[in-house]
Amino acid sequence: MICPKCNRHHTDSVVICDCGYNLEDHRNHVMQIDPNQSASHSHTFLKVCSTLFKLIAILGIIASIWRVSGIRDDTWKILIIVGSLFNAIIWFGLAKTILLLLSIETRQEEMCKSIYSLEQMHTKNARHPKI
């Protein structure tokens, strides 16, 4: 977690930042804004699906190479290998898309925290204007 006051990086177990900011209150406020946020940190199922898609692509290539070994016609060999490569590209693309969407969501969460931090600073400055 990044402290909204001083921008120091902390683990989630830290309650008070070195600058004195209460990170626990900040976490609680962020959870009130978006109660699903804590669940978004554990995308285990989607990461497993991404890995599974990569495995399917690799197994498809291996299976096509094994299948080609028994075929004598070179044209069919080429067609099978090219087809399996296209298939692998699709599976790898799906895996990469999942990981990309997860990283976008993580960045979105960080942006929401930064916006909240800016709102807090603005509110604090509005209550205590400098003369």
Protein backbone atom coordinates (compact mmCIF):
# COMPACT_ATOMS: atom_id res chain seq x y z
CA MET A 1 0.00 0.00 0.00
CA ILE A 2 1.15 3.54 -0.74
CA CYS A 3 0.70 6.17 1.95
CA PRO A 4 -1.56 8.90 0.53
CA LYS A 5 0.27 11.54 2.57
CA CYS A 6 3.96 10.84 1.90
CA ASN A 7 3.80 8.23 -0.92
CA ARG A 8 5.90 5.66 0.95
CA HIS A 9 5.33 2.02 0.07
CA HIS A 10 4.17 -0.28 2.89
CA THR A 11 2.96 -3.84 3.28
CA ASP A 12 -0.73 -4.31 4.05
CA SER A 13 0.11 -5.15 7.67
CA VAL A 14 1.37 -1.61 8.46
CA VAL A 15 -1.24 0.39 10.39
CA ILE A 16 0.48 3.77 10.85
CA CYS A 17 2.93 5.25 8.34
CA ASP A 18 6.23 6.75 9.48
CA CYS A 19 4.77 10.18 8.69
CA GLY A 20 1.94 9.53 11.17
CA TYR A 21 -0.84 8.88 8.65
CA ASN A 22 -3.34 6.20 9.75
CA LEU A 23 -3.32 3.69 6.91
CA GLU A 24 -5.96 1.50 8.57
CA ASP A 25 -8.50 4.34 8.48
CA HIS A 26 -7.59 4.95 4.86
CA ARG A 27 -8.11 1.25 4.02
CA ASN A 28 -11.48 1.24 5.78
CA HIS A 29 -12.58 4.35 3.90
CA VAL A 30 -11.49 2.88 0.56
CA MET A 31 -13.41 -0.33 1.37
CA GLN A 32 -16.52 1.75 2.03
CA ILE A 33 -16.10 3.36 -1.37
CA ASP A 34 -15.57 0.01 -3.13
CA PRO A 35 -16.41 -3.06 -1.03
CA ASN A 36 -15.28 -5.40 -3.82
CA GLN A 37 -11.77 -4.00 -3.82
CA SER A 38 -10.32 -6.57 -1.42
CA ALA A 39 -11.67 -9.40 -3.55
CA SER A 40 -10.00 -7.96 -6.63
CA HIS A 41 -6.55 -8.59 -5.18
CA SER A 42 -7.00 -12.34 -5.41
CA HIS A 43 -7.67 -13.18 -9.03
CA THR A 44 -6.41 -16.69 -8.56
CA PHE A 45 -9.03 -18.25 -10.81
CA LEU A 46 -8.22 -15.96 -13.73
CA LYS A 47 -4.48 -16.47 -13.30
CA VAL A 48 -5.01 -20.24 -13.29
CA CYS A 49 -7.10 -19.95 -16.46
CA SER A 50 -4.33 -17.93 -18.09
CA THR A 51 -1.78 -20.59 -17.21
CA LEU A 52 -4.14 -23.33 -18.41
CA PHE A 53 -4.55 -21.58 -21.76
CA LYS A 54 -0.77 -21.48 -22.19
CA LEU A 55 -0.58 -25.16 -21.32
CA ILE A 56 -3.28 -25.99 -23.89
CA ALA A 57 -1.31 -24.10 -26.55
CA ILE A 58 1.91 -25.98 -25.77
CA LEU A 59 0.15 -29.35 -25.63
CA GLY A 60 -1.52 -28.60 -28.97
CA ILE A 61 1.84 -28.01 -30.60
CA ILE A 62 3.30 -31.17 -29.06
CA ALA A 63 0.27 -33.22 -30.16
CA SER A 64 0.49 -31.93 -33.72
CA ILE A 65 4.20 -32.77 -33.92
CA TRP A 66 3.43 -36.25 -32.61
CA ARG A 67 0.55 -36.60 -35.10
CA VAL A 68 2.70 -35.44 -38.03
CA SER A 69 5.32 -38.09 -37.36
CA GLY A 70 3.01 -40.78 -38.80
CA ILE A 71 2.05 -38.85 -41.97
CA ARG A 72 4.06 -39.29 -45.17
CA ASP A 73 2.55 -36.47 -47.23
CA ASP A 74 4.51 -33.24 -46.66
CA THR A 75 1.54 -31.05 -47.54
CA TRP A 76 -0.55 -32.48 -44.71
CA LYS A 77 2.38 -32.17 -42.33
CA ILE A 78 2.69 -28.46 -43.11
CA LEU A 79 -1.06 -27.89 -42.82
CA ILE A 80 -1.25 -29.63 -39.44
CA ILE A 81 1.75 -27.75 -38.03
CA VAL A 82 0.55 -24.36 -39.33
CA GLY A 83 -2.93 -25.05 -37.97
CA SER A 84 -1.57 -25.94 -34.55
CA LEU A 85 0.58 -22.79 -34.52
CA PHE A 86 -2.47 -20.64 -35.26
CA ASN A 87 -4.32 -22.47 -32.53
CA ALA A 88 -1.44 -21.82 -30.12
CA ILE A 89 -1.41 -18.12 -31.02
CA ILE A 90 -5.10 -17.87 -30.13
CA TRP A 91 -4.62 -19.64 -26.77
CA PHE A 92 -1.55 -17.56 -25.90
CA GLY A 93 -3.49 -14.44 -26.92
CA LEU A 94 -6.32 -15.33 -24.55
CA ALA A 95 -3.84 -15.89 -21.72
CA LYS A 96 -2.13 -12.57 -22.36
CA THR A 97 -5.48 -10.75 -22.57
CA ILE A 98 -6.48 -12.02 -19.14
CA LEU A 99 -3.20 -10.86 -17.61
CA LEU A 100 -3.49 -7.49 -19.35
CA LEU A 101 -7.01 -6.94 -18.01
CA LEU A 102 -5.87 -7.83 -14.50
CA SER A 103 -3.02 -5.32 -14.69
CA ILE A 104 -5.42 -2.63 -15.94
CA GLU A 105 -7.71 -3.29 -12.99
CA THR A 106 -4.77 -3.03 -10.58
CA ARG A 107 -3.76 0.32 -12.09
CA GLN A 108 -7.36 1.51 -11.85
CA GLU A 109 -7.39 0.68 -8.13
CA GLU A 110 -4.15 2.60 -7.64
CA MET A 111 -5.64 5.58 -9.46
CA CYS A 112 -8.74 5.47 -7.24
CA LYS A 113 -6.52 5.51 -4.17
CA SER A 114 -4.56 8.45 -5.55
CA ILE A 115 -7.76 10.36 -6.29
CA TYR A 116 -8.98 9.67 -2.77
CA SER A 117 -5.65 10.91 -1.41
CA LEU A 118 -5.91 14.11 -3.45
CA GLU A 119 -9.48 14.63 -2.25
CA GLN A 120 -8.31 14.22 1.36
CA MET A 121 -5.53 16.76 0.87
CA HIS A 122 -7.93 19.17 -0.81
CA THR A 123 -10.45 18.80 2.02
CA LYS A 124 -7.72 19.30 4.61
CA ASN A 125 -6.40 22.41 2.85
CA ALA A 126 -9.92 23.80 2.47
CA ARG A 127 -10.51 23.48 6.24
CA HIS A 128 -7.16 25.02 7.16
CA PRO A 129 -6.31 27.66 4.54
CA LYS A 130 -2.79 29.06 4.64
CA ILE A 131 -2.64 32.77 5.30
